[in-house]
Amino acid sequence: MSSSRMSTPTTDRISDLPDEILCHILSFLPTKFAATTSVLSKRWKPVWLSVQTLDFDDKTFKDMVSLL
């Protein structure tokens, strides 16, 4: 009996989604992580810029002045 391997798909299903859906998914991530998705591919580079919500971790800033 020969063992057959399942072929791995070469396409990325998530990248095939429309920008609106990708932005909606990215809106659940902190802004820092949403921005890092731009390194995934050229397709993802501009997508995070269209995210409607910004979620900053205010613990990384000393005070409100440094945040602004």
C-alpha atoms as a PDB file:
ATOM      1  CA  MET A   1       0.000   0.000   0.000  1.00  0.00           C
ATOM      2  CA  SER A   2       1.547   3.272  -1.066  1.00  0.00           C
ATOM      3  CA  SER A   3       1.148   6.297   1.083  1.00  0.00           C
ATOM      4  CA  SER A   4      -0.334   9.289  -0.650  1.00  0.00           C
ATOM      5  CA  ARG A   5       0.255  12.731   0.685  1.00  0.00           C
ATOM      6  CA  MET A   6      -2.270  15.461   0.468  1.00  0.00           C
ATOM      7  CA  SER A   7      -0.958  18.346  -1.542  1.00  0.00           C
ATOM      8  CA  THR A   8      -0.695  21.614   0.290  1.00  0.00           C
ATOM      9  CA  PRO A   9      -2.504  24.491  -1.329  1.00  0.00           C
ATOM     10  CA  THR A  10      -0.272  27.175  -2.767  1.00  0.00           C
ATOM     11  CA  THR A  11      -2.862  29.939  -2.532  1.00  0.00           C
ATOM     12  CA  ASP A  12      -3.630  31.926   0.557  1.00  0.00           C
ATOM     13  CA  ARG A  13      -7.382  31.987   1.171  1.00  0.00           C
ATOM     14  CA  ILE A  14      -7.261  34.944   3.547  1.00  0.00           C
ATOM     15  CA  SER A  15      -5.432  37.164   1.061  1.00  0.00           C
ATOM     16  CA  ASP A  16      -8.149  36.432  -1.483  1.00  0.00           C
ATOM     17  CA  LEU A  17     -10.771  38.121   0.713  1.00  0.00           C
ATOM     18  CA  PRO A  18     -11.954  41.629  -0.197  1.00  0.00           C
ATOM     19  CA  ASP A  19     -10.213  44.570   1.492  1.00  0.00           C
ATOM     20  CA  GLU A  20     -13.342  45.427   3.477  1.00  0.00           C
ATOM     21  CA  ILE A  21     -13.351  42.045   5.186  1.00  0.00           C
ATOM     22  CA  LEU A  22      -9.605  42.137   5.824  1.00  0.00           C
ATOM     23  CA  CYS A  23      -9.967  45.575   7.419  1.00  0.00           C
ATOM     24  CA  HIS A  24     -12.770  44.284   9.603  1.00  0.00           C
ATOM     25  CA  ILE A  25     -10.603  41.392  10.755  1.00  0.00           C
ATOM     26  CA  LEU A  26      -7.637  43.689  11.408  1.00  0.00           C
ATOM     27  CA  SER A  27      -9.834  46.042  13.444  1.00  0.00           C
ATOM     28  CA  PHE A  28      -9.906  43.405  16.209  1.00  0.00           C
ATOM     29  CA  LEU A  29      -6.107  43.555  16.551  1.00  0.00           C
ATOM     30  CA  PRO A  30      -4.067  46.178  18.376  1.00  0.00           C
ATOM     31  CA  THR A  31      -2.833  48.770  15.882  1.00  0.00           C
ATOM     32  CA  LYS A  32       0.773  47.606  16.271  1.00  0.00           C
ATOM     33  CA  PHE A  33      -0.115  44.072  15.152  1.00  0.00           C
ATOM     34  CA  ALA A  34      -2.385  45.276  12.364  1.00  0.00           C
ATOM     35  CA  ALA A  35       0.487  47.369  11.004  1.00  0.00           C
ATOM     36  CA  THR A  36       2.867  44.428  11.069  1.00  0.00           C
ATOM     37  CA  THR A  37       0.634  42.583   8.607  1.00  0.00           C
ATOM     38  CA  SER A  38       2.037  44.906   5.943  1.00  0.00           C
ATOM     39  CA  VAL A  39       5.154  42.726   5.783  1.00  0.00           C
ATOM     40  CA  LEU A  40       3.155  39.659   4.716  1.00  0.00           C
ATOM     41  CA  SER A  41       3.007  40.613   1.052  1.00  0.00           C
ATOM     42  CA  LYS A  42       2.482  43.518  -1.323  1.00  0.00           C
ATOM     43  CA  ARG A  43      -1.220  42.722  -1.224  1.00  0.00           C
ATOM     44  CA  TRP A  44      -1.386  43.377   2.542  1.00  0.00           C
ATOM     45  CA  LYS A  45       0.793  46.498   2.597  1.00  0.00           C
ATOM     46  CA  PRO A  46      -1.958  49.126   2.107  1.00  0.00           C
ATOM     47  CA  VAL A  47      -4.760  47.174   3.804  1.00  0.00           C
ATOM     48  CA  TRP A  48      -3.984  48.047   7.426  1.00  0.00           C
ATOM     49  CA  LEU A  49      -4.064  51.763   6.555  1.00  0.00           C
ATOM     50  CA  SER A  50      -7.790  51.455   5.885  1.00  0.00           C
ATOM     51  CA  VAL A  51      -8.640  50.050   9.316  1.00  0.00           C
ATOM     52  CA  GLN A  52     -11.290  52.298  10.881  1.00  0.00           C
ATOM     53  CA  THR A  53     -10.363  51.668  14.536  1.00  0.00           C
ATOM     54  CA  LEU A  54      -7.090  52.419  16.284  1.00  0.00           C
ATOM     55  CA  ASP A  55      -6.135  50.553  19.431  1.00  0.00           C
ATOM     56  CA  PHE A  56      -3.011  51.939  21.097  1.00  0.00           C
ATOM     57  CA  ASP A  57      -1.417  50.451  24.178  1.00  0.00           C
ATOM     58  CA  ASP A  58      -1.244  53.484  26.462  1.00  0.00           C
ATOM     59  CA  LYS A  59       1.098  51.680  28.862  1.00  0.00           C
ATOM     60  CA  THR A  60       4.001  52.302  26.483  1.00  0.00           C
ATOM     61  CA  PHE A  61       3.691  56.074  26.953  1.00  0.00           C
ATOM     62  CA  LYS A  62       4.913  57.878  30.075  1.00  0.00           C
ATOM     63  CA  ASP A  63       2.195  60.514  30.022  1.00  0.00           C
ATOM     64  CA  MET A  64      -0.458  62.018  27.796  1.00  0.00           C
ATOM     65  CA  VAL A  65       1.946  64.595  26.336  1.00  0.00           C
ATOM     66  CA  SER A  66       4.276  61.912  24.964  1.00  0.00           C
ATOM     67  CA  LEU A  67       1.251  60.122  23.479  1.00  0.00           C
ATOM     68  CA  LEU A  68       0.278  63.237  21.540  1.00  0.00           C
END
